N, C-alpha and C. Protein backbone atom coordinates (compact mmCIF):
# COMPACT_ATOMS: atom_id res chain seq x y z
N MET A 1 74.37 33.61 -117.94
CA MET A 1 74.37 32.24 -117.41
C MET A 1 73.84 32.24 -115.98
N ALA A 2 72.99 31.27 -115.65
CA ALA A 2 72.45 31.18 -114.30
C ALA A 2 73.55 30.85 -113.30
N ALA A 3 73.34 31.28 -112.07
CA ALA A 3 74.33 31.04 -111.03
C ALA A 3 74.45 29.55 -110.73
N MET A 4 75.64 29.15 -110.31
CA MET A 4 75.90 27.76 -109.94
C MET A 4 77.02 27.74 -108.92
N GLU A 5 77.25 26.58 -108.31
CA GLU A 5 78.34 26.45 -107.35
C GLU A 5 79.40 25.52 -107.89
N ALA A 6 80.64 25.72 -107.46
CA ALA A 6 81.75 24.86 -107.87
C ALA A 6 82.63 24.59 -106.66
N ARG A 7 83.16 23.37 -106.60
CA ARG A 7 84.02 22.97 -105.49
C ARG A 7 85.48 23.02 -105.92
N ILE A 8 86.34 23.50 -105.00
CA ILE A 8 87.79 23.34 -105.15
C ILE A 8 88.20 22.33 -104.10
N ASP A 9 88.48 21.10 -104.51
CA ASP A 9 88.74 20.02 -103.57
C ASP A 9 90.12 20.15 -102.94
N GLY A 10 90.17 19.94 -101.65
CA GLY A 10 91.43 19.73 -100.96
C GLY A 10 92.43 20.85 -101.08
N VAL A 11 91.97 22.09 -101.08
CA VAL A 11 92.91 23.20 -101.14
C VAL A 11 93.88 23.14 -99.96
N THR A 12 93.36 22.81 -98.80
CA THR A 12 94.22 22.58 -97.63
C THR A 12 93.99 21.15 -97.17
N GLY A 13 94.76 20.22 -97.67
CA GLY A 13 94.55 18.83 -97.28
C GLY A 13 93.19 18.35 -97.71
N THR A 14 92.25 18.36 -96.80
CA THR A 14 90.90 17.90 -97.13
C THR A 14 89.86 19.00 -97.07
N VAL A 15 90.28 20.26 -97.04
CA VAL A 15 89.34 21.37 -96.96
C VAL A 15 88.74 21.65 -98.33
N ASN A 16 87.42 21.79 -98.38
CA ASN A 16 86.74 22.22 -99.59
C ASN A 16 86.57 23.74 -99.57
N SER A 17 86.90 24.37 -100.68
CA SER A 17 86.53 25.76 -100.90
C SER A 17 85.42 25.78 -101.95
N TRP A 18 84.56 26.79 -101.87
CA TRP A 18 83.41 26.85 -102.77
C TRP A 18 83.33 28.20 -103.45
N ILE A 19 82.90 28.17 -104.70
CA ILE A 19 82.67 29.38 -105.49
C ILE A 19 81.22 29.36 -105.94
N VAL A 20 80.50 30.44 -105.68
CA VAL A 20 79.11 30.57 -106.10
C VAL A 20 79.01 31.80 -106.99
N GLY A 21 78.44 31.65 -108.18
CA GLY A 21 78.30 32.79 -109.05
C GLY A 21 78.00 32.40 -110.47
N ASP A 22 78.29 33.31 -111.39
CA ASP A 22 78.06 33.05 -112.80
C ASP A 22 79.30 33.42 -113.58
N ASP A 23 79.14 33.78 -114.84
CA ASP A 23 80.30 34.08 -115.68
C ASP A 23 80.93 35.43 -115.37
N GLU A 24 80.27 36.25 -114.56
CA GLU A 24 80.75 37.61 -114.32
C GLU A 24 81.18 37.87 -112.88
N GLU A 25 80.48 37.29 -111.91
CA GLU A 25 80.78 37.60 -110.51
C GLU A 25 80.60 36.37 -109.64
N VAL A 26 81.36 36.33 -108.54
CA VAL A 26 81.32 35.17 -107.65
C VAL A 26 81.46 35.60 -106.20
N ILE A 27 80.99 34.74 -105.32
CA ILE A 27 81.33 34.76 -103.90
C ILE A 27 82.20 33.55 -103.63
N VAL A 28 83.28 33.75 -102.87
CA VAL A 28 84.16 32.64 -102.48
C VAL A 28 83.87 32.30 -101.03
N ILE A 29 83.68 31.01 -100.75
CA ILE A 29 83.41 30.53 -99.40
C ILE A 29 84.59 29.68 -98.94
N ASP A 30 85.19 30.03 -97.81
CA ASP A 30 86.29 29.27 -97.20
C ASP A 30 87.45 29.01 -98.17
N PRO A 31 88.27 30.01 -98.46
CA PRO A 31 89.35 29.83 -99.43
C PRO A 31 90.46 28.87 -99.02
N GLY A 32 90.50 28.42 -97.78
CA GLY A 32 91.57 27.52 -97.36
C GLY A 32 92.89 28.25 -97.28
N ASP A 33 93.99 27.60 -97.70
CA ASP A 33 95.29 28.27 -97.62
C ASP A 33 96.01 28.38 -98.95
N ASP A 34 95.33 28.05 -100.06
CA ASP A 34 95.97 28.11 -101.37
C ASP A 34 95.27 29.17 -102.21
N ALA A 35 95.68 30.42 -102.04
CA ALA A 35 95.05 31.51 -102.77
C ALA A 35 95.19 31.34 -104.27
N ALA A 36 96.33 30.84 -104.72
CA ALA A 36 96.56 30.69 -106.16
C ALA A 36 95.54 29.75 -106.78
N ALA A 37 95.24 28.65 -106.10
CA ALA A 37 94.26 27.69 -106.62
C ALA A 37 92.88 28.32 -106.69
N VAL A 38 92.52 29.08 -105.68
CA VAL A 38 91.21 29.73 -105.67
C VAL A 38 91.12 30.77 -106.77
N LEU A 39 92.12 31.61 -106.87
CA LEU A 39 92.09 32.67 -107.88
C LEU A 39 92.14 32.10 -109.29
N ASP A 40 92.84 30.99 -109.47
CA ASP A 40 92.85 30.33 -110.78
C ASP A 40 91.45 29.84 -111.14
N ALA A 41 90.74 29.29 -110.16
CA ALA A 41 89.38 28.80 -110.42
C ALA A 41 88.41 29.96 -110.68
N VAL A 42 88.63 31.08 -110.02
CA VAL A 42 87.77 32.24 -110.23
C VAL A 42 88.00 32.83 -111.61
N GLY A 43 89.24 32.84 -112.06
CA GLY A 43 89.56 33.42 -113.35
C GLY A 43 89.36 34.92 -113.36
N GLU A 44 88.75 35.44 -114.43
CA GLU A 44 88.57 36.88 -114.59
C GLU A 44 87.28 37.39 -113.96
N ARG A 45 86.52 36.51 -113.36
CA ARG A 45 85.27 36.95 -112.73
C ARG A 45 85.55 37.82 -111.51
N GLU A 46 84.64 38.73 -111.22
CA GLU A 46 84.81 39.61 -110.07
C GLU A 46 84.43 38.89 -108.78
N ILE A 47 85.28 38.98 -107.77
CA ILE A 47 84.96 38.46 -106.45
C ILE A 47 84.23 39.56 -105.69
N VAL A 48 82.95 39.33 -105.37
CA VAL A 48 82.16 40.37 -104.71
C VAL A 48 82.16 40.22 -103.20
N ALA A 49 82.54 39.05 -102.69
CA ALA A 49 82.66 38.85 -101.25
C ALA A 49 83.40 37.55 -100.99
N VAL A 50 84.07 37.49 -99.85
CA VAL A 50 84.70 36.26 -99.36
C VAL A 50 84.06 35.95 -98.01
N ILE A 51 83.43 34.79 -97.91
CA ILE A 51 82.69 34.43 -96.70
C ILE A 51 83.41 33.30 -95.97
N CYS A 52 83.58 33.46 -94.67
CA CYS A 52 84.19 32.43 -93.83
C CYS A 52 83.09 31.76 -93.02
N THR A 53 82.95 30.43 -93.17
CA THR A 53 81.94 29.73 -92.37
C THR A 53 82.32 29.70 -90.89
N HIS A 54 83.60 29.86 -90.61
CA HIS A 54 84.09 29.99 -89.23
C HIS A 54 85.53 30.50 -89.30
N GLY A 55 86.14 30.74 -88.15
CA GLY A 55 87.41 31.45 -88.14
C GLY A 55 88.65 30.60 -88.06
N HIS A 56 88.56 29.28 -88.12
CA HIS A 56 89.75 28.44 -87.97
C HIS A 56 90.71 28.63 -89.15
N PRO A 57 92.01 28.67 -88.88
CA PRO A 57 93.00 29.04 -89.91
C PRO A 57 92.99 28.16 -91.14
N ALA A 58 92.69 26.88 -91.01
CA ALA A 58 92.70 26.01 -92.19
C ALA A 58 91.71 26.48 -93.24
N HIS A 59 90.68 27.18 -92.82
CA HIS A 59 89.66 27.65 -93.75
C HIS A 59 89.86 29.11 -94.16
N THR A 60 90.69 29.86 -93.43
CA THR A 60 90.77 31.31 -93.66
C THR A 60 92.14 31.82 -94.07
N ALA A 61 93.16 30.96 -94.11
CA ALA A 61 94.52 31.45 -94.32
C ALA A 61 94.66 32.28 -95.60
N ALA A 62 93.98 31.87 -96.66
CA ALA A 62 94.13 32.56 -97.95
C ALA A 62 93.17 33.72 -98.12
N VAL A 63 92.33 33.98 -97.13
CA VAL A 63 91.30 35.01 -97.29
C VAL A 63 91.87 36.37 -97.66
N PRO A 64 92.88 36.91 -96.96
CA PRO A 64 93.34 38.26 -97.31
C PRO A 64 93.81 38.38 -98.76
N GLU A 65 94.56 37.39 -99.24
CA GLU A 65 95.07 37.46 -100.61
C GLU A 65 93.95 37.34 -101.63
N VAL A 66 93.00 36.45 -101.38
CA VAL A 66 91.88 36.29 -102.31
C VAL A 66 91.03 37.55 -102.34
N ALA A 67 90.74 38.10 -101.18
CA ALA A 67 89.89 39.29 -101.11
C ALA A 67 90.58 40.52 -101.71
N GLU A 68 91.89 40.60 -101.56
CA GLU A 68 92.63 41.78 -102.01
C GLU A 68 92.54 41.99 -103.51
N ARG A 69 92.46 40.91 -104.27
CA ARG A 69 92.52 41.07 -105.73
C ARG A 69 91.48 42.02 -106.25
N ASP A 70 90.24 41.89 -105.78
CA ASP A 70 89.15 42.76 -106.24
C ASP A 70 88.63 43.66 -105.13
N GLU A 71 89.41 43.80 -104.06
CA GLU A 71 89.01 44.60 -102.91
C GLU A 71 87.64 44.17 -102.40
N ALA A 72 87.46 42.86 -102.33
CA ALA A 72 86.18 42.30 -101.88
C ALA A 72 86.08 42.34 -100.37
N PRO A 73 84.90 42.59 -99.83
CA PRO A 73 84.74 42.54 -98.38
C PRO A 73 84.80 41.10 -97.87
N VAL A 74 85.28 40.95 -96.64
CA VAL A 74 85.35 39.64 -95.99
C VAL A 74 84.26 39.58 -94.93
N ALA A 75 83.59 38.43 -94.86
CA ALA A 75 82.48 38.25 -93.91
C ALA A 75 82.80 37.14 -92.93
N LEU A 76 82.58 37.41 -91.64
CA LEU A 76 82.80 36.44 -90.57
C LEU A 76 81.83 36.75 -89.44
N HIS A 77 81.33 35.72 -88.77
CA HIS A 77 80.50 35.98 -87.60
C HIS A 77 81.39 36.54 -86.49
N PRO A 78 80.95 37.60 -85.80
CA PRO A 78 81.82 38.25 -84.80
C PRO A 78 82.21 37.34 -83.64
N ALA A 79 81.46 36.28 -83.38
CA ALA A 79 81.81 35.38 -82.28
C ALA A 79 83.09 34.60 -82.56
N ASP A 80 83.55 34.61 -83.81
CA ASP A 80 84.80 33.92 -84.17
C ASP A 80 85.96 34.88 -84.42
N ILE A 81 85.82 36.13 -84.00
CA ILE A 81 86.86 37.10 -84.31
C ILE A 81 88.19 36.75 -83.66
N GLU A 82 88.18 36.14 -82.48
CA GLU A 82 89.45 35.79 -81.83
C GLU A 82 90.18 34.71 -82.62
N HIS A 83 89.44 33.75 -83.18
CA HIS A 83 90.08 32.77 -84.06
C HIS A 83 90.74 33.46 -85.24
N TRP A 84 90.05 34.44 -85.82
CA TRP A 84 90.61 35.19 -86.95
C TRP A 84 91.90 35.89 -86.53
N ARG A 85 91.88 36.56 -85.41
CA ARG A 85 93.04 37.35 -84.98
C ARG A 85 94.23 36.48 -84.62
N GLU A 86 94.00 35.23 -84.25
CA GLU A 86 95.11 34.32 -83.99
C GLU A 86 95.93 34.05 -85.24
N ALA A 87 95.29 34.14 -86.41
CA ALA A 87 95.97 33.79 -87.66
C ALA A 87 96.27 34.99 -88.54
N HIS A 88 95.62 36.14 -88.28
CA HIS A 88 95.74 37.29 -89.17
C HIS A 88 96.08 38.54 -88.37
N SER A 89 97.14 39.22 -88.77
CA SER A 89 97.57 40.41 -88.06
C SER A 89 97.03 41.69 -88.68
N GLY A 90 96.38 41.58 -89.83
CA GLY A 90 95.86 42.76 -90.51
C GLY A 90 94.47 43.14 -90.02
N ASP A 91 93.71 43.75 -90.92
CA ASP A 91 92.38 44.24 -90.57
C ASP A 91 91.42 43.09 -90.25
N ASP A 92 90.46 43.39 -89.39
CA ASP A 92 89.37 42.45 -89.15
C ASP A 92 88.44 42.42 -90.35
N PRO A 93 87.65 41.36 -90.51
CA PRO A 93 86.67 41.30 -91.60
C PRO A 93 85.72 42.49 -91.58
N GLU A 94 85.36 42.96 -92.78
CA GLU A 94 84.51 44.14 -92.89
C GLU A 94 83.05 43.85 -92.52
N ILE A 95 82.60 42.64 -92.77
CA ILE A 95 81.19 42.30 -92.57
C ILE A 95 81.05 41.38 -91.36
N GLU A 96 80.27 41.79 -90.38
CA GLU A 96 79.95 40.95 -89.23
C GLU A 96 78.63 40.24 -89.53
N MET A 97 78.72 38.96 -89.83
CA MET A 97 77.51 38.22 -90.19
C MET A 97 76.61 38.03 -88.97
N ALA A 98 75.32 37.96 -89.24
CA ALA A 98 74.32 37.68 -88.20
C ALA A 98 73.29 36.72 -88.76
N ASP A 99 72.66 35.98 -87.87
CA ASP A 99 71.64 35.03 -88.29
C ASP A 99 70.56 35.74 -89.11
N GLY A 100 70.23 35.17 -90.26
CA GLY A 100 69.22 35.76 -91.12
C GLY A 100 69.75 36.74 -92.14
N GLY A 101 71.04 37.06 -92.07
CA GLY A 101 71.64 37.96 -93.05
C GLY A 101 71.63 37.34 -94.44
N MET A 102 71.71 38.19 -95.45
CA MET A 102 71.63 37.72 -96.83
C MET A 102 72.80 38.26 -97.65
N PHE A 103 73.29 37.42 -98.56
CA PHE A 103 74.26 37.83 -99.56
C PHE A 103 73.66 37.56 -100.94
N GLU A 104 73.93 38.46 -101.88
CA GLU A 104 73.42 38.31 -103.24
C GLU A 104 74.60 38.19 -104.19
N VAL A 105 74.49 37.25 -105.12
CA VAL A 105 75.49 37.13 -106.17
C VAL A 105 74.80 36.56 -107.40
N ALA A 106 75.17 37.10 -108.57
CA ALA A 106 74.51 36.69 -109.80
C ALA A 106 73.00 36.81 -109.59
N ASP A 107 72.25 35.72 -109.72
CA ASP A 107 70.80 35.82 -109.53
C ASP A 107 70.32 34.97 -108.37
N VAL A 108 71.18 34.73 -107.37
CA VAL A 108 70.80 33.91 -106.23
C VAL A 108 71.14 34.62 -104.91
N SER A 109 70.54 34.11 -103.84
CA SER A 109 70.77 34.64 -102.50
C SER A 109 71.32 33.55 -101.59
N LEU A 110 72.18 33.94 -100.67
CA LEU A 110 72.70 33.05 -99.63
C LEU A 110 72.22 33.58 -98.28
N GLU A 111 71.54 32.74 -97.52
CA GLU A 111 71.05 33.13 -96.20
C GLU A 111 71.98 32.62 -95.11
N VAL A 112 72.37 33.49 -94.20
CA VAL A 112 73.25 33.13 -93.09
C VAL A 112 72.42 32.45 -91.99
N MET A 113 72.89 31.28 -91.55
CA MET A 113 72.27 30.57 -90.43
C MET A 113 73.34 30.35 -89.37
N HIS A 114 73.25 31.08 -88.27
CA HIS A 114 74.22 30.92 -87.19
C HIS A 114 74.06 29.53 -86.59
N ALA A 115 75.15 28.76 -86.53
CA ALA A 115 75.09 27.37 -86.09
C ALA A 115 76.27 27.06 -85.17
N PRO A 116 76.31 27.64 -83.97
CA PRO A 116 77.46 27.44 -83.07
C PRO A 116 77.58 26.01 -82.59
N GLY A 117 78.80 25.66 -82.22
CA GLY A 117 79.09 24.32 -81.72
C GLY A 117 80.50 23.92 -82.07
N HIS A 118 80.81 23.85 -83.37
CA HIS A 118 82.20 23.61 -83.77
C HIS A 118 83.07 24.78 -83.35
N SER A 119 82.52 25.97 -83.49
CA SER A 119 83.12 27.20 -82.97
C SER A 119 81.98 28.13 -82.61
N PRO A 120 82.24 29.16 -81.81
CA PRO A 120 81.13 30.05 -81.40
C PRO A 120 80.46 30.74 -82.57
N GLY A 121 81.24 31.06 -83.61
CA GLY A 121 80.71 31.82 -84.73
C GLY A 121 80.49 31.02 -85.99
N SER A 122 80.41 29.71 -85.89
CA SER A 122 80.15 28.90 -87.09
C SER A 122 78.81 29.27 -87.71
N VAL A 123 78.80 29.30 -89.04
CA VAL A 123 77.56 29.56 -89.77
C VAL A 123 77.41 28.55 -90.90
N CYS A 124 76.16 28.36 -91.32
CA CYS A 124 75.84 27.69 -92.57
C CYS A 124 75.27 28.74 -93.51
N LEU A 125 75.34 28.47 -94.80
CA LEU A 125 74.83 29.38 -95.81
C LEU A 125 73.86 28.61 -96.70
N TYR A 126 72.59 28.99 -96.64
CA TYR A 126 71.55 28.27 -97.38
C TYR A 126 71.21 29.03 -98.65
N CYS A 127 71.27 28.33 -99.77
CA CYS A 127 70.89 28.90 -101.06
C CYS A 127 69.68 28.14 -101.58
N GLU A 128 68.50 28.68 -101.32
CA GLU A 128 67.27 28.02 -101.77
C GLU A 128 67.22 27.95 -103.29
N ASP A 129 67.77 28.95 -103.97
CA ASP A 129 67.73 28.99 -105.43
C ASP A 129 68.46 27.80 -106.05
N LEU A 130 69.55 27.37 -105.42
CA LEU A 130 70.34 26.25 -105.92
C LEU A 130 70.04 24.95 -105.18
N ASP A 131 69.20 25.02 -104.15
CA ASP A 131 68.85 23.86 -103.34
C ASP A 131 70.08 23.25 -102.69
N VAL A 132 70.93 24.11 -102.11
CA VAL A 132 72.15 23.65 -101.44
C VAL A 132 72.33 24.42 -100.13
N VAL A 133 73.08 23.82 -99.21
CA VAL A 133 73.49 24.50 -97.99
C VAL A 133 74.97 24.23 -97.77
N PHE A 134 75.73 25.29 -97.55
CA PHE A 134 77.16 25.19 -97.26
C PHE A 134 77.31 25.13 -95.75
N THR A 135 77.92 24.06 -95.23
CA THR A 135 77.92 23.83 -93.79
C THR A 135 79.28 23.98 -93.12
N GLY A 136 80.34 24.26 -93.86
CA GLY A 136 81.64 24.38 -93.22
C GLY A 136 81.95 23.15 -92.39
N ASP A 137 82.32 23.35 -91.12
CA ASP A 137 82.61 22.22 -90.23
C ASP A 137 81.46 21.91 -89.28
N VAL A 138 80.32 22.53 -89.50
CA VAL A 138 79.15 22.19 -88.69
C VAL A 138 78.73 20.75 -88.94
N LEU A 139 78.75 20.33 -90.22
CA LEU A 139 78.32 18.98 -90.58
C LEU A 139 79.02 18.56 -91.87
N THR A 140 79.63 17.37 -91.86
CA THR A 140 80.26 16.80 -93.04
C THR A 140 79.70 15.41 -93.28
N ALA A 141 80.16 14.76 -94.33
CA ALA A 141 79.71 13.41 -94.64
C ALA A 141 80.12 12.41 -93.56
N ASP A 142 81.10 12.75 -92.75
CA ASP A 142 81.51 11.91 -91.63
C ASP A 142 80.82 12.31 -90.33
N GLY A 143 79.84 13.18 -90.43
CA GLY A 143 79.10 13.62 -89.26
C GLY A 143 79.53 14.99 -88.79
N PRO A 144 79.06 15.41 -87.62
CA PRO A 144 79.50 16.69 -87.05
C PRO A 144 81.00 16.65 -86.77
N VAL A 145 81.65 17.78 -86.96
CA VAL A 145 83.09 17.87 -86.69
C VAL A 145 83.28 18.53 -85.33
N PRO A 146 83.60 17.76 -84.29
CA PRO A 146 83.86 18.37 -82.99
C PRO A 146 85.20 19.09 -83.01
N HIS A 147 85.41 19.99 -82.08
CA HIS A 147 86.69 20.69 -82.01
C HIS A 147 87.18 20.62 -80.58
N ASP A 148 88.49 20.44 -80.41
CA ASP A 148 89.05 20.14 -79.09
C ASP A 148 89.58 21.35 -78.34
N ASP A 149 89.36 22.55 -78.86
CA ASP A 149 89.93 23.72 -78.20
C ASP A 149 88.97 24.25 -77.14
N GLU A 150 88.89 25.56 -77.01
CA GLU A 150 88.16 26.14 -75.90
C GLU A 150 86.64 26.09 -76.09
N PHE A 151 86.17 25.58 -77.19
CA PHE A 151 84.72 25.56 -77.43
C PHE A 151 84.29 24.19 -77.93
N PRO A 152 84.55 23.13 -77.17
CA PRO A 152 84.22 21.77 -77.63
C PRO A 152 82.77 21.42 -77.31
N ASP A 153 81.83 22.20 -77.84
CA ASP A 153 80.44 22.09 -77.44
C ASP A 153 79.67 21.23 -78.43
N PHE A 154 79.87 19.91 -78.34
CA PHE A 154 79.26 19.00 -79.29
C PHE A 154 77.74 18.99 -79.16
N SER A 155 77.23 19.10 -77.95
CA SER A 155 75.78 19.10 -77.77
C SER A 155 75.15 20.32 -78.42
N ARG A 156 75.82 21.45 -78.32
CA ARG A 156 75.29 22.65 -78.97
C ARG A 156 75.39 22.52 -80.49
N GLN A 157 76.44 21.86 -80.96
CA GLN A 157 76.58 21.63 -82.39
C GLN A 157 75.43 20.76 -82.90
N LEU A 158 75.09 19.71 -82.16
CA LEU A 158 73.96 18.87 -82.55
C LEU A 158 72.66 19.67 -82.56
N SER A 159 72.51 20.55 -81.59
CA SER A 159 71.32 21.40 -81.55
C SER A 159 71.25 22.29 -82.78
N SER A 160 72.40 22.85 -83.19
CA SER A 160 72.44 23.69 -84.38
C SER A 160 72.08 22.90 -85.63
N ILE A 161 72.61 21.68 -85.73
CA ILE A 161 72.30 20.84 -86.88
C ILE A 161 70.80 20.56 -86.95
N GLY A 162 70.22 20.20 -85.81
CA GLY A 162 68.79 19.91 -85.79
C GLY A 162 67.94 21.11 -86.12
N ALA A 163 68.32 22.28 -85.61
CA ALA A 163 67.51 23.48 -85.78
C ALA A 163 67.70 24.14 -87.14
N GLU A 164 68.90 24.06 -87.70
CA GLU A 164 69.21 24.79 -88.92
C GLU A 164 69.25 23.89 -90.16
N VAL A 165 70.04 22.83 -90.11
CA VAL A 165 70.25 22.01 -91.31
C VAL A 165 69.08 21.05 -91.54
N LEU A 166 68.68 20.33 -90.51
CA LEU A 166 67.68 19.28 -90.70
C LEU A 166 66.27 19.81 -90.89
N THR A 167 66.07 21.11 -90.74
CA THR A 167 64.77 21.71 -91.04
C THR A 167 64.64 22.09 -92.51
N LEU A 168 65.71 21.96 -93.28
CA LEU A 168 65.66 22.24 -94.71
C LEU A 168 65.03 21.06 -95.44
N PRO A 169 64.55 21.26 -96.68
CA PRO A 169 63.96 20.15 -97.43
C PRO A 169 64.94 18.99 -97.57
N SER A 170 64.44 17.76 -97.47
CA SER A 170 65.29 16.57 -97.48
C SER A 170 66.18 16.47 -98.71
N PRO A 171 65.73 16.88 -99.92
CA PRO A 171 66.62 16.76 -101.09
C PRO A 171 67.75 17.79 -101.13
N THR A 172 67.75 18.76 -100.22
CA THR A 172 68.79 19.80 -100.23
C THR A 172 70.17 19.17 -100.15
N ARG A 173 71.06 19.57 -101.04
CA ARG A 173 72.43 19.06 -101.03
C ARG A 173 73.24 19.81 -99.98
N VAL A 174 73.95 19.05 -99.15
CA VAL A 174 74.82 19.60 -98.13
C VAL A 174 76.23 19.64 -98.69
N LEU A 175 76.80 20.84 -98.78
CA LEU A 175 78.14 21.05 -99.33
C LEU A 175 79.06 21.44 -98.18
N PRO A 176 79.85 20.48 -97.68
CA PRO A 176 80.58 20.68 -96.42
C PRO A 176 81.98 21.24 -96.62
N GLY A 177 82.63 21.54 -95.50
CA GLY A 177 84.01 22.02 -95.52
C GLY A 177 85.03 20.92 -95.73
N HIS A 178 84.61 19.68 -95.60
CA HIS A 178 85.50 18.53 -95.79
C HIS A 178 84.71 17.40 -96.44
N GLY A 179 85.32 16.73 -97.40
CA GLY A 179 84.74 15.51 -97.93
C GLY A 179 83.64 15.72 -98.95
N ALA A 180 82.91 14.63 -99.20
CA ALA A 180 81.89 14.61 -100.24
C ALA A 180 80.60 15.27 -99.79
N ASP A 181 79.80 15.68 -100.77
CA ASP A 181 78.49 16.22 -100.45
C ASP A 181 77.48 15.08 -100.25
N PHE A 182 76.35 15.42 -99.67
CA PHE A 182 75.30 14.45 -99.37
C PHE A 182 74.00 15.24 -99.28
N THR A 183 72.93 14.65 -98.79
CA THR A 183 71.66 15.36 -98.70
C THR A 183 71.22 15.51 -97.25
N VAL A 184 70.33 16.46 -97.04
CA VAL A 184 69.74 16.61 -95.72
C VAL A 184 69.04 15.32 -95.30
N GLY A 185 68.38 14.66 -96.24
CA GLY A 185 67.70 13.41 -95.93
C GLY A 185 68.65 12.35 -95.41
N ALA A 186 69.85 12.27 -95.98
CA ALA A 186 70.85 11.31 -95.50
C ALA A 186 71.29 11.64 -94.08
N ALA A 187 71.45 12.93 -93.80
CA ALA A 187 71.85 13.34 -92.45
C ALA A 187 70.76 13.03 -91.43
N GLU A 188 69.51 13.20 -91.83
CA GLU A 188 68.40 12.91 -90.92
C GLU A 188 68.45 11.47 -90.42
N LYS A 189 68.86 10.56 -91.27
CA LYS A 189 68.89 9.14 -90.90
C LYS A 189 69.99 8.82 -89.90
N ARG A 190 70.97 9.71 -89.77
CA ARG A 190 72.08 9.48 -88.85
C ARG A 190 71.98 10.29 -87.56
N PHE A 191 71.07 11.22 -87.52
CA PHE A 191 71.06 12.18 -86.42
C PHE A 191 70.88 11.50 -85.06
N ASP A 192 69.98 10.54 -84.97
CA ASP A 192 69.75 9.89 -83.68
C ASP A 192 71.01 9.19 -83.17
N SER A 193 71.80 8.63 -84.09
CA SER A 193 73.03 7.96 -83.66
C SER A 193 74.05 8.95 -83.14
N TRP A 194 74.08 10.16 -83.69
CA TRP A 194 74.99 11.19 -83.18
C TRP A 194 74.56 11.62 -81.78
N VAL A 195 73.27 11.77 -81.58
CA VAL A 195 72.77 12.16 -80.27
C VAL A 195 73.09 11.09 -79.23
N ALA A 196 72.92 9.83 -79.63
CA ALA A 196 73.10 8.72 -78.68
C ALA A 196 74.55 8.43 -78.37
N GLY A 197 75.41 8.54 -79.38
CA GLY A 197 76.78 8.07 -79.18
C GLY A 197 77.87 8.99 -79.62
N GLY A 198 77.57 10.25 -79.93
CA GLY A 198 78.61 11.14 -80.38
C GLY A 198 78.77 11.07 -81.88
N PRO A 199 79.82 11.73 -82.41
CA PRO A 199 79.98 11.83 -83.85
C PRO A 199 80.18 10.47 -84.49
N GLY A 200 79.51 10.25 -85.63
CA GLY A 200 79.67 9.01 -86.37
C GLY A 200 79.36 9.26 -87.83
N GLY A 201 80.13 8.68 -88.71
CA GLY A 201 80.00 8.98 -90.12
C GLY A 201 78.93 8.16 -90.79
N PHE A 202 78.66 8.52 -92.04
CA PHE A 202 77.78 7.71 -92.86
C PHE A 202 78.48 6.39 -93.17
N VAL A 203 77.71 5.33 -93.21
CA VAL A 203 78.29 4.03 -93.53
C VAL A 203 78.07 3.73 -95.00
N ALA A 204 78.84 2.77 -95.52
CA ALA A 204 78.71 2.40 -96.92
C ALA A 204 77.27 2.02 -97.22
N GLY A 205 76.75 2.57 -98.30
CA GLY A 205 75.40 2.25 -98.68
C GLY A 205 74.38 3.27 -98.22
N ASP A 206 74.77 4.18 -97.33
CA ASP A 206 73.84 5.23 -96.94
C ASP A 206 73.51 6.09 -98.16
N PRO A 207 72.27 6.53 -98.30
CA PRO A 207 71.92 7.36 -99.45
C PRO A 207 72.65 8.69 -99.39
N ALA A 208 73.03 9.19 -100.54
CA ALA A 208 73.70 10.48 -100.62
C ALA A 208 72.70 11.59 -100.90
């Protein structure tokens, strides 16, 4: 069976977790805090990696338990390691992601795009084979997700969105860490308003 993606809605409140793979193997993206829900969705398939789009606990709490089942490596950008250590007392992630890095699962590839702003180590994962990009908290249907802690760099986040996400083909589906999916083309229509006035969501009737 060809590779595909699946969403686990609201594992942690409104956090989306994602599974990419086929009938035999998967990569899990942002397991949230409900390992049982993630593992139930994975079923008997092998977990070959667990990828964190960033280090905030709402997205990573279940990572150790999910990864442990199949001894899968955990991937995180090193700039977010302090966020990881605030929530996890065990080992650090085995894989230090870098811009341009690649992950392979089933018959598709995921390309790492470093996109700092929401956090220093935020990344997006672009899958050209499936015509999708996983954006974590870099960009959601409600716009960029600012963060109020020590790295509230909204201008840098906008720069990351413009350089990484909006350079992808307009029909590319954006699969975010919160809320519904949309397209790069829909985000392009809102970008100027974010630059001018800060974060703002899609309004009713905006194309998805």
